[in-house]
N, C-alpha and C. Protein backbone atom coordinates (compact mmCIF):
# COMPACT_ATOMS: atom_id res chain seq x y z
N MET A 1 57.71 114.79 106.17
CA MET A 1 57.59 116.01 105.56
C MET A 1 59.18 116.48 104.32
N TYR A 2 60.15 115.30 105.20
CA TYR A 2 61.45 115.82 104.40
C TYR A 2 61.50 115.01 103.54
N THR A 3 60.59 114.23 104.22
CA THR A 3 60.98 112.70 103.06
C THR A 3 60.20 113.55 101.41
N ILE A 4 58.96 114.01 101.27
CA ILE A 4 58.38 115.30 100.11
C ILE A 4 59.48 115.54 99.56
N LYS A 5 59.41 116.65 100.37
CA LYS A 5 61.16 117.53 99.99
C LYS A 5 61.90 117.06 98.96
N THR A 6 62.69 115.97 99.75
CA THR A 6 63.35 115.21 98.97
C THR A 6 63.20 114.86 97.53
N ILE A 7 61.87 114.04 97.84
CA ILE A 7 61.33 113.70 96.28
C ILE A 7 61.15 114.24 95.14
N GLY A 8 60.55 115.51 95.47
CA GLY A 8 60.77 116.98 95.30
C GLY A 8 61.25 117.38 94.14
N THR A 9 62.66 117.35 95.41
CA THR A 9 63.70 118.50 94.73
C THR A 9 63.97 117.01 93.49
N VAL A 10 65.15 116.16 93.82
CA VAL A 10 64.95 114.89 92.65
C VAL A 10 64.15 114.58 91.26
N ALA A 11 62.80 114.74 91.55
CA ALA A 11 62.01 114.80 90.63
C ALA A 11 62.45 116.18 89.79
N LEU A 12 62.46 117.52 89.91
CA LEU A 12 63.12 118.58 89.54
C LEU A 12 64.06 118.54 88.80
N ALA A 13 65.20 117.81 89.43
CA ALA A 13 66.54 117.80 88.83
C ALA A 13 66.40 116.98 88.03
N LEU A 14 65.46 116.12 88.07
CA LEU A 14 65.44 114.99 86.80
C LEU A 14 64.94 115.78 85.69
N ALA A 15 63.68 116.24 86.15
CA ALA A 15 63.12 116.58 84.63
C ALA A 15 63.32 117.94 84.03
N THR A 16 64.39 118.64 84.75
CA THR A 16 65.32 119.75 84.29
C THR A 16 66.97 118.70 83.41
N GLY A 17 66.95 117.76 83.97
CA GLY A 17 68.18 117.68 83.09
C GLY A 17 67.91 117.25 82.31
N ALA A 18 66.88 116.30 81.95
CA ALA A 18 65.90 115.55 80.97
C ALA A 18 65.85 116.91 79.62
N GLY A 19 64.84 118.03 80.63
CA GLY A 19 64.57 119.13 79.51
C GLY A 19 65.97 119.76 78.64
N ALA A 20 67.14 119.58 79.41
CA ALA A 20 67.92 120.27 78.58
C ALA A 20 68.61 119.38 78.11
N ALA A 21 68.46 118.19 77.86
CA ALA A 21 68.59 117.16 77.10
C ALA A 21 68.26 117.27 75.44
N SER A 22 66.89 117.44 76.60
CA SER A 22 65.97 117.33 74.26
C SER A 22 66.48 118.43 73.62
N ALA A 23 66.78 119.50 74.85
CA ALA A 23 67.20 121.25 73.71
C ALA A 23 68.55 121.29 73.19
N ALA A 24 69.16 120.19 73.59
CA ALA A 24 70.96 120.50 73.29
C ALA A 24 70.87 119.61 72.16
N GLY A 25 70.41 118.13 72.08
CA GLY A 25 69.84 117.58 71.26
C GLY A 25 69.95 118.20 69.89
N ALA A 26 68.67 118.51 69.91
CA ALA A 26 68.02 119.67 68.51
C ALA A 26 68.00 120.31 66.81
N THR A 27 69.57 119.73 66.89
CA THR A 27 69.13 120.60 65.20
C THR A 27 68.22 120.82 64.27
N HIS A 28 68.24 121.24 63.53
CA HIS A 28 68.27 121.53 62.17
C HIS A 28 68.93 121.36 61.77
N GLU A 29 68.32 121.92 59.92
CA GLU A 29 69.73 121.89 58.62
C GLU A 29 68.88 122.66 57.88
N ALA A 30 69.80 123.39 56.61
CA ALA A 30 68.95 124.62 55.90
C ALA A 30 70.03 124.73 54.76
N LYS A 31 69.90 125.06 53.97
CA LYS A 31 70.59 124.68 53.28
C LYS A 31 70.25 126.24 51.59
N GLY A 32 70.64 126.39 51.34
CA GLY A 32 70.66 127.40 50.46
C GLY A 32 72.32 128.47 50.35
N ARG A 33 71.89 129.50 49.13
CA ARG A 33 72.98 130.55 48.66
C ARG A 33 73.62 131.52 50.17
N ILE A 34 74.26 131.19 50.55
CA ILE A 34 75.31 132.66 51.10
C ILE A 34 74.95 133.77 50.63
N GLU A 35 74.10 135.23 50.83
CA GLU A 35 73.20 136.46 51.08
C GLU A 35 74.52 137.87 51.34
N HIS A 36 74.37 137.33 52.63
CA HIS A 36 75.31 138.16 53.91
C HIS A 36 76.50 137.65 54.56
N LEU A 37 77.98 137.69 54.71
CA LEU A 37 78.41 137.17 55.84
C LEU A 37 79.19 138.57 56.36
N ASN A 38 79.18 138.62 57.58
CA ASN A 38 80.06 139.40 58.05
C ASN A 38 80.45 138.73 59.49
N PRO A 39 81.43 138.54 59.43
CA PRO A 39 82.72 137.53 60.33
C PRO A 39 82.72 138.63 61.61
N ARG A 40 82.89 139.40 61.33
CA ARG A 40 82.89 140.92 62.98
C ARG A 40 81.28 140.72 63.54
N ALA A 41 80.55 141.03 62.93
CA ALA A 41 79.78 140.22 63.57
C ALA A 41 78.63 139.00 64.41
N GLN A 42 79.45 138.27 63.28
CA GLN A 42 79.83 136.72 63.09
C GLN A 42 78.52 136.28 63.01
N HIS A 43 77.54 137.27 61.83
CA HIS A 43 75.76 136.74 61.34
C HIS A 43 76.49 135.96 59.56
N LEU A 44 75.67 135.25 59.67
CA LEU A 44 75.59 134.82 58.35
C LEU A 44 74.44 134.74 57.65
N THR A 45 73.95 134.96 56.89
CA THR A 45 72.18 135.44 55.84
C THR A 45 72.58 133.89 54.88
N VAL A 46 71.73 133.30 54.93
CA VAL A 46 71.52 132.10 53.91
C VAL A 46 70.17 131.81 53.82
N GLY A 47 69.34 132.37 52.62
CA GLY A 47 68.10 132.79 52.25
C GLY A 47 67.95 134.03 52.74
N GLN A 48 66.28 133.75 52.85
CA GLN A 48 65.85 135.01 54.03
C GLN A 48 66.83 134.91 55.88
N GLN A 49 67.42 134.07 55.89
CA GLN A 49 67.28 132.83 57.20
C GLN A 49 68.61 133.66 58.37
N THR A 50 69.30 134.55 59.08
CA THR A 50 70.29 134.77 59.79
C THR A 50 70.65 133.81 60.88
N TYR A 51 71.50 133.49 60.77
CA TYR A 51 72.85 132.48 61.21
C TYR A 51 73.26 133.45 61.73
N ARG A 52 73.85 133.00 63.14
CA ARG A 52 75.15 133.05 64.22
C ARG A 52 75.97 131.98 64.29
N TYR A 53 77.77 132.06 64.11
CA TYR A 53 78.80 131.73 63.83
C TYR A 53 80.29 132.03 64.47
N ASP A 54 80.99 131.29 64.12
CA ASP A 54 82.24 131.50 65.09
C ASP A 54 82.86 131.18 63.67
N PRO A 55 83.40 132.75 63.42
CA PRO A 55 83.97 132.74 61.90
C PRO A 55 85.60 132.48 62.23
N ARG A 56 86.51 132.34 63.70
CA ARG A 56 87.46 131.35 63.53
C ARG A 56 87.00 129.76 62.99
N ALA A 57 86.14 129.21 64.03
CA ALA A 57 86.31 127.96 63.70
C ALA A 57 85.52 127.21 62.02
N MET A 58 84.58 127.55 61.91
CA MET A 58 83.96 127.50 61.00
C MET A 58 83.88 128.38 59.23
N GLY A 59 84.23 129.67 59.97
CA GLY A 59 83.95 130.21 58.28
C GLY A 59 85.33 130.79 57.37
N GLN A 60 86.50 129.91 57.36
CA GLN A 60 87.37 130.04 56.50
C GLN A 60 87.20 129.28 55.28
N GLY A 61 87.25 130.44 54.87
CA GLY A 61 86.92 130.07 53.16
C GLY A 61 85.41 130.65 52.17
N LEU A 62 84.05 130.58 53.62
CA LEU A 62 83.45 131.05 52.89
C LEU A 62 83.22 132.79 52.28
N ARG A 63 82.38 132.14 51.12
CA ARG A 63 81.69 132.92 50.54
C ARG A 63 81.23 133.83 50.39
N ARG A 64 80.16 134.78 49.42
CA ARG A 64 78.99 135.11 49.46
C ARG A 64 78.78 134.32 47.80
N GLY A 65 76.98 133.91 47.89
CA GLY A 65 76.77 133.30 46.38
C GLY A 65 77.22 131.88 46.58
N GLU A 66 78.16 131.48 47.87
CA GLU A 66 78.38 130.20 47.32
C GLU A 66 77.36 128.93 48.52
N GLN A 67 76.85 127.96 47.64
CA GLN A 67 76.00 127.01 48.18
C GLN A 67 76.54 126.56 48.76
N VAL A 68 75.55 126.58 49.95
CA VAL A 68 76.04 126.06 51.47
C VAL A 68 74.92 125.07 52.01
N ARG A 69 75.35 124.16 53.14
CA ARG A 69 74.07 123.31 54.58
C ARG A 69 74.67 123.76 55.46
N VAL A 70 73.86 124.00 56.31
CA VAL A 70 73.91 125.10 57.08
C VAL A 70 73.11 123.56 58.76
N VAL A 71 74.06 122.83 59.35
CA VAL A 71 72.95 122.29 60.68
C VAL A 71 73.22 123.61 61.93
N TYR A 72 72.36 123.94 62.94
CA TYR A 72 71.90 125.43 63.76
C TYR A 72 71.27 124.59 64.65
N ARG A 73 71.35 125.20 65.71
CA ARG A 73 69.83 125.15 66.80
C ARG A 73 69.44 126.68 67.16
N GLU A 74 68.33 126.35 67.43
CA GLU A 74 67.46 127.92 68.09
C GLU A 74 67.63 127.96 69.32
N ALA A 75 68.03 128.65 69.80
CA ALA A 75 67.93 128.99 71.15
C ALA A 75 68.04 131.02 71.68
N HIS A 76 67.62 130.49 72.34
CA HIS A 76 66.76 132.36 73.22
C HIS A 76 66.94 133.29 71.57
N GLY A 77 65.91 133.27 71.17
CA GLY A 77 65.62 133.59 70.04
C GLY A 77 66.39 134.30 68.78
N HIS A 78 67.53 133.19 68.46
CA HIS A 78 68.81 133.19 67.87
C HIS A 78 68.88 131.71 67.06
N ARG A 79 69.35 131.11 65.87
CA ARG A 79 70.10 130.74 65.40
C ARG A 79 71.20 130.21 65.06
N TYR A 80 72.10 129.34 66.27
CA TYR A 80 72.90 129.48 66.26
C TYR A 80 73.59 128.11 65.15
N ALA A 81 75.17 128.53 64.47
CA ALA A 81 75.26 127.18 63.45
C ALA A 81 76.31 126.39 64.12
N ILE A 82 76.25 125.42 63.67
CA ILE A 82 76.86 124.58 64.74
C ILE A 82 78.03 123.35 63.25
N LYS A 83 77.34 123.71 62.04
CA LYS A 83 78.10 123.29 60.61
C LYS A 83 77.39 124.17 59.73
N ILE A 84 78.68 124.36 59.20
CA ILE A 84 78.73 125.48 57.64
C ILE A 84 79.26 124.30 56.71
N LEU A 85 78.33 123.82 55.98
CA LEU A 85 79.03 122.42 54.65
C LEU A 85 78.84 123.08 53.51
N PRO A 86 79.67 122.82 52.46
CA PRO A 86 79.07 123.23 51.57
C PRO A 86 77.93 121.77 50.82
N ALA A 87 76.91 122.78 50.14
CA ALA A 87 76.51 122.07 49.80
C ALA A 87 75.99 121.02 48.76
N VAL A 88 75.14 119.70 48.27
CA VAL A 88 75.72 118.45 47.83
C VAL A 88 74.46 118.55 47.20
């Protein structure tokens, strides 16, 4: 019985770790014009989509109307910007 519990615990730990690694690596990309920018609320709207971002790390020099490329992750029903780059 002890062996079965140990194997079950190890299998659960491996499955959870693999799921977290795949979720952490799933990034998406969007291009568009900045429609709305709110550094206080840490929100950025590109096209029709809203992204959360860190204005201290990524918000320097962003302006409404600017064409950008946003690399983001989805988590807990929100889109979190990882990188905000000029559109090419």
